[in-house]
Amino acid sequence: MKKIICLFTFLVVEIIFAQEKTFIPEGQIALDRTTYFEFVQKKRPKTQLFLPDGKEMPLKKLDSLNKTIHDQPFTTLFYADTIQNKASLVLKYLSKEDVKLRNEQFRKQQKDFEKNRRKLIGSTLTELSLTDMEGKTYTLEDLKGKAIFLNFWFTQCKPCIEEMPDLNKLKEKYKDQNIVFFAVTYNEKKLITEFLKRTELELTIIPNDRKTIDQFHINFYPTNILIDPNGKILFINELLGGNGLKEIKKLLQKMFPE
């Protein structure tokens, strides 16, 4: 499942695990996952890694720790001092109660996602406004008569990044057809500019757009949506069913037969 989706954020982590740690360097405060990764990408701070008991470990060992302590559920806490440009990652073991609450929260988000997905599929858009990296705005009126592909992503989402080559190929294949491809994210323009220096994404990028993310009730990434030229939502990928590109390709083949 980790290869399929990125959960936007576990609220349970922010609510339960933001307690003080005596070994955290002075001046560092707790951050949520999104804020932390945006800070790291922008500032590249000096980062320390702490085990649950406060023992410091080399940051390069984080991946190996993820593999070796899987028998004991844990989460990661995020701390940073934006003035001194320093950050800390703290591993925290989860109790049975912690795991239960986390799982309950995840199941609720799954249920809400599927409920909204089913409600949206078959409905017709009445509003859409997207502003790209250059400040150009696309409204539903501007896109009238065009099919619309929406990809929801963010810069720290590994599955999102892994599917980008396929997205680029899809856009290239249908570049002469009556369809537009947008990549919508909550990340800010500056962060995306840095991201694009090392990763190719040929879709029209829509930065800092929480409004559209909320409009489609997006909580899991990547999410891919296909809308027909009449504004009808044809497809939204299922949470645990992959990114849906296989199904979208079939729909596009019917929409634009060779």
Protein backbone atom coordinates (compact mmCIF):
# COMPACT_ATOMS: atom_id res chain seq x y z
CA MET A 1 0.00 0.00 0.00
CA LYS A 2 2.92 2.34 0.66
CA LYS A 3 3.80 2.14 -3.03
CA ILE A 4 0.29 3.18 -4.01
CA ILE A 5 -0.64 6.14 -1.86
CA CYS A 6 0.70 8.91 0.29
CA LEU A 7 -1.55 10.00 3.11
CA PHE A 8 -1.61 13.77 3.31
CA THR A 9 -1.22 13.79 7.07
CA PHE A 10 -2.21 11.69 10.04
CA LEU A 11 -4.00 14.10 12.32
CA VAL A 12 -3.62 11.58 15.09
CA VAL A 13 0.13 12.11 15.02
CA GLU A 14 -0.26 15.85 15.44
CA ILE A 15 -2.80 15.48 18.22
CA ILE A 16 -1.18 12.78 20.35
CA PHE A 17 2.54 12.86 19.81
CA ALA A 18 3.54 16.52 19.95
CA GLN A 19 4.69 16.32 23.55
CA GLU A 20 7.98 17.86 24.66
CA LYS A 21 11.21 15.87 24.38
CA THR A 22 13.93 16.87 26.83
CA PHE A 23 16.70 15.94 24.40
CA ILE A 24 15.43 18.16 21.58
CA PRO A 25 17.93 20.99 20.97
CA GLU A 26 16.86 24.31 22.47
CA GLY A 27 14.93 26.54 20.11
CA GLN A 28 13.38 23.76 18.04
CA ILE A 29 9.59 23.47 17.97
CA ALA A 30 7.26 20.71 16.81
CA LEU A 31 6.07 20.94 13.20
CA ASP A 32 3.49 18.98 11.26
CA ARG A 33 4.77 16.74 8.46
CA THR A 34 3.90 19.10 5.61
CA THR A 35 5.46 22.18 7.19
CA TYR A 36 8.58 20.24 8.13
CA PHE A 37 9.25 18.88 4.65
CA GLU A 38 8.59 22.23 3.01
CA PHE A 39 11.11 23.80 5.42
CA VAL A 40 13.68 21.09 4.70
CA GLN A 41 13.32 21.44 0.95
CA LYS A 42 13.64 25.21 1.07
CA LYS A 43 16.44 25.59 3.63
CA ARG A 44 18.32 22.26 3.67
CA PRO A 45 18.91 22.50 7.45
CA LYS A 46 21.38 20.50 9.49
CA THR A 47 19.26 17.58 10.69
CA GLN A 48 19.68 15.22 13.65
CA LEU A 49 17.99 11.85 14.15
CA PHE A 50 17.00 10.66 17.63
CA LEU A 51 15.80 7.24 18.75
CA PRO A 52 12.88 7.06 21.22
CA ASP A 53 15.30 6.95 24.16
CA GLY A 54 17.05 10.13 23.02
CA LYS A 55 20.10 8.43 21.56
CA GLU A 56 21.34 10.24 18.47
CA MET A 57 21.90 8.25 15.28
CA PRO A 58 23.37 9.23 11.89
CA LEU A 59 20.59 10.46 9.62
CA LYS A 60 21.76 8.13 6.85
CA LYS A 61 20.64 5.17 9.00
CA LEU A 62 16.97 6.20 8.95
CA ASP A 63 16.06 3.90 6.05
CA SER A 64 17.74 0.91 7.68
CA LEU A 65 15.98 1.67 10.96
CA ASN A 66 12.66 1.69 9.15
CA LYS A 67 13.39 -1.88 8.03
CA THR A 68 14.84 -3.27 11.26
CA ILE A 69 12.38 -2.02 13.89
CA HIS A 70 9.19 -2.77 11.99
CA ASP A 71 8.18 -5.25 14.69
CA GLN A 72 7.55 -2.28 17.00
CA PRO A 73 5.14 0.25 15.44
CA PHE A 74 6.52 3.77 15.51
CA THR A 75 5.91 7.23 14.15
CA THR A 76 8.20 10.14 13.37
CA LEU A 77 8.02 13.51 15.11
CA PHE A 78 9.34 16.63 13.40
CA TYR A 79 11.12 19.57 15.03
CA ALA A 80 12.93 22.60 13.63
CA ASP A 81 14.53 25.92 14.46
CA THR A 82 13.92 28.11 11.41
CA ILE A 83 16.22 30.84 12.73
CA GLN A 84 19.26 28.62 13.34
CA ASN A 85 18.32 26.47 10.32
CA LYS A 86 18.42 23.22 12.26
CA ALA A 87 15.99 20.30 12.42
CA SER A 88 15.41 17.03 14.25
CA LEU A 89 13.62 13.79 13.51
CA VAL A 90 12.48 11.82 16.55
CA LEU A 91 11.27 8.23 16.37
CA LYS A 92 8.52 7.41 18.85
CA TYR A 93 7.22 3.94 19.58
CA LEU A 94 3.46 3.57 19.49
CA SER A 95 1.44 1.95 22.23
CA LYS A 96 -1.45 -0.37 21.41
CA GLU A 97 -3.80 2.53 22.10
CA ASP A 98 -1.80 4.77 19.76
CA VAL A 99 -1.95 2.18 16.98
CA LYS A 100 -5.66 1.65 17.51
CA LEU A 101 -6.41 5.36 17.27
CA ARG A 102 -4.16 5.76 14.23
CA ASN A 103 -5.90 2.87 12.46
CA GLU A 104 -9.33 4.24 13.33
CA GLN A 105 -8.35 7.60 11.88
CA PHE A 106 -7.04 5.96 8.72
CA ARG A 107 -10.19 3.86 8.26
CA LYS A 108 -12.34 6.96 8.65
CA GLN A 109 -10.31 8.79 6.01
CA GLN A 110 -10.62 5.77 3.72
CA LYS A 111 -14.38 5.72 4.19
CA ASP A 112 -14.72 9.45 3.60
CA PHE A 113 -12.52 9.29 0.50
CA GLU A 114 -14.58 6.48 -1.05
CA LYS A 115 -17.86 8.21 -0.19
CA ASN A 116 -16.72 11.43 -1.87
CA ARG A 117 -15.27 9.52 -4.83
CA ARG A 118 -18.57 7.79 -5.56
CA LYS A 119 -20.47 11.04 -5.15
CA LEU A 120 -18.22 12.90 -7.59
CA ILE A 121 -18.08 10.26 -10.33
CA GLY A 122 -20.88 10.95 -12.80
CA SER A 123 -21.45 14.47 -11.54
CA THR A 124 -20.88 17.54 -13.71
CA LEU A 125 -18.48 20.29 -12.73
CA THR A 126 -20.05 23.68 -12.19
CA GLU A 127 -16.90 25.49 -11.11
CA LEU A 128 -13.17 25.22 -11.69
CA SER A 129 -10.42 27.83 -11.54
CA LEU A 130 -6.74 26.95 -11.85
CA THR A 131 -3.76 29.32 -11.86
CA ASP A 132 -0.46 28.01 -13.19
CA MET A 133 3.17 28.81 -12.34
CA GLU A 134 3.21 31.81 -14.70
CA GLY A 135 0.01 33.27 -13.27
CA LYS A 136 -2.28 32.22 -16.13
CA THR A 137 -5.78 31.30 -14.96
CA TYR A 138 -7.92 28.56 -16.49
CA THR A 139 -11.65 28.66 -15.74
CA LEU A 140 -14.31 26.13 -16.62
CA GLU A 141 -15.47 28.51 -19.33
CA ASP A 142 -11.94 28.66 -20.77
CA LEU A 143 -11.81 24.86 -20.85
CA LYS A 144 -15.29 24.37 -22.28
CA GLY A 145 -15.32 21.55 -24.82
CA LYS A 146 -12.01 20.13 -23.63
CA ALA A 147 -11.38 16.96 -21.66
CA ILE A 148 -9.52 17.64 -18.42
CA PHE A 149 -6.98 15.46 -16.64
CA LEU A 150 -6.22 16.42 -13.04
CA ASN A 151 -3.29 14.93 -11.15
CA PHE A 152 -3.04 15.74 -7.42
CA TRP A 153 0.46 15.45 -5.99
CA PHE A 154 3.08 17.01 -3.71
CA THR A 155 6.86 17.16 -3.77
CA GLN A 156 7.51 14.66 -0.95
CA CYS A 157 5.11 12.02 -2.28
CA LYS A 158 7.22 9.13 -3.56
CA PRO A 159 4.36 7.40 -5.46
CA CYS A 160 3.55 10.76 -7.08
CA ILE A 161 7.12 11.11 -8.31
CA GLU A 162 7.27 7.51 -9.50
CA GLU A 163 4.28 7.99 -11.80
CA MET A 164 5.53 11.24 -13.37
CA PRO A 165 7.30 9.57 -16.32
CA ASP A 166 4.01 7.85 -17.21
CA LEU A 167 2.14 11.14 -16.88
CA ASN A 168 4.62 12.83 -19.20
CA LYS A 169 4.19 10.05 -21.77
CA LEU A 170 0.40 10.31 -21.52
CA LYS A 171 0.47 14.04 -22.16
CA GLU A 172 2.87 13.59 -25.07
CA LYS A 173 0.61 10.97 -26.65
CA TYR A 174 -2.45 13.22 -26.53
CA LYS A 175 -0.74 16.59 -27.07
CA ASP A 176 -2.63 17.15 -30.33
CA GLN A 177 -6.01 16.13 -28.91
CA ASN A 178 -8.66 18.25 -27.25
CA ILE A 179 -7.49 17.57 -23.69
CA VAL A 180 -5.53 19.52 -21.07
CA PHE A 181 -3.33 18.05 -18.34
CA PHE A 182 -2.94 19.73 -14.95
CA ALA A 183 -0.82 18.76 -11.93
CA VAL A 184 -2.38 20.32 -8.82
CA THR A 185 -0.46 20.69 -5.55
CA TYR A 186 -0.56 22.59 -2.28
CA ASN A 187 3.21 23.25 -2.53
CA GLU A 188 4.31 26.82 -3.14
CA LYS A 189 5.83 28.00 -6.41
CA LYS A 190 9.37 28.44 -5.03
CA LEU A 191 9.46 24.90 -3.69
CA ILE A 192 8.19 23.49 -6.99
CA THR A 193 10.80 25.43 -8.95
CA GLU A 194 13.53 23.69 -6.93
CA PHE A 195 11.79 20.34 -7.36
CA LEU A 196 11.69 20.72 -11.14
CA LYS A 197 15.46 21.13 -11.27
CA ARG A 198 15.81 17.42 -10.54
CA THR A 199 12.47 15.96 -11.64
CA GLU A 200 10.69 16.31 -14.97
CA LEU A 201 6.97 17.02 -14.96
CA GLU A 202 5.49 18.18 -18.26
CA LEU A 203 1.93 18.76 -17.09
CA THR A 204 0.72 22.31 -16.46
CA ILE A 205 1.52 22.75 -12.77
CA ILE A 206 -0.97 24.46 -10.48
CA PRO A 207 0.84 25.52 -7.28
CA ASN A 208 -0.48 26.49 -3.86
CA ASP A 209 -4.02 25.38 -4.69
CA ARG A 210 -5.71 24.07 -1.56
CA LYS A 211 -9.04 25.35 -2.87
CA THR A 212 -9.15 22.81 -5.70
CA ILE A 213 -7.77 20.10 -3.42
CA ASP A 214 -10.63 20.76 -1.01
CA GLN A 215 -13.13 21.00 -3.88
CA PHE A 216 -12.40 17.39 -4.83
CA HIS A 217 -11.93 16.22 -1.20
CA ILE A 218 -8.38 15.02 -1.84
CA ASN A 219 -6.71 13.37 1.17
CA PHE A 220 -4.60 10.71 -0.54
CA TYR A 221 -1.90 11.08 -3.16
CA PRO A 222 -1.54 10.62 -6.01
CA THR A 223 -5.14 11.06 -7.08
CA ASN A 224 -5.95 11.17 -10.79
CA ILE A 225 -9.23 12.46 -12.20
CA LEU A 226 -10.55 12.44 -15.77
CA ILE A 227 -13.30 14.83 -16.85
CA ASP A 228 -14.96 14.63 -20.27
CA PRO A 229 -15.44 17.60 -22.67
CA ASN A 230 -18.91 18.20 -21.22
CA GLY A 231 -17.58 18.61 -17.69
CA LYS A 232 -18.71 15.19 -16.48
CA ILE A 233 -16.36 13.44 -14.06
CA LEU A 234 -15.64 10.05 -15.62
CA PHE A 235 -13.03 8.60 -13.31
CA ILE A 236 -11.27 8.99 -9.95
CA ASN A 237 -8.81 6.31 -8.93
CA GLU A 238 -9.69 4.13 -5.95
CA LEU A 239 -7.66 4.50 -2.79
CA LEU A 240 -6.16 1.00 -2.81
CA GLY A 241 -6.52 0.33 -6.52
CA GLY A 242 -3.35 1.97 -7.81
CA ASN A 243 -3.11 5.33 -9.55
CA GLY A 244 -5.80 4.49 -12.11
CA LEU A 245 -3.70 5.33 -15.16
CA LYS A 246 -4.50 2.01 -16.82
CA GLU A 247 -8.22 2.75 -16.63
CA ILE A 248 -7.70 6.36 -17.72
CA LYS A 249 -5.75 5.23 -20.78
CA LYS A 250 -8.67 3.03 -21.83
CA LEU A 251 -11.10 5.92 -21.43
CA LEU A 252 -8.85 8.21 -23.46
CA GLN A 253 -8.56 5.61 -26.22
CA LYS A 254 -12.35 5.60 -26.50
CA MET A 255 -12.51 9.38 -26.31
CA PHE A 256 -9.77 9.92 -28.90
CA PRO A 257 -9.62 6.80 -31.13
CA GLU A 258 -6.57 6.57 -33.35
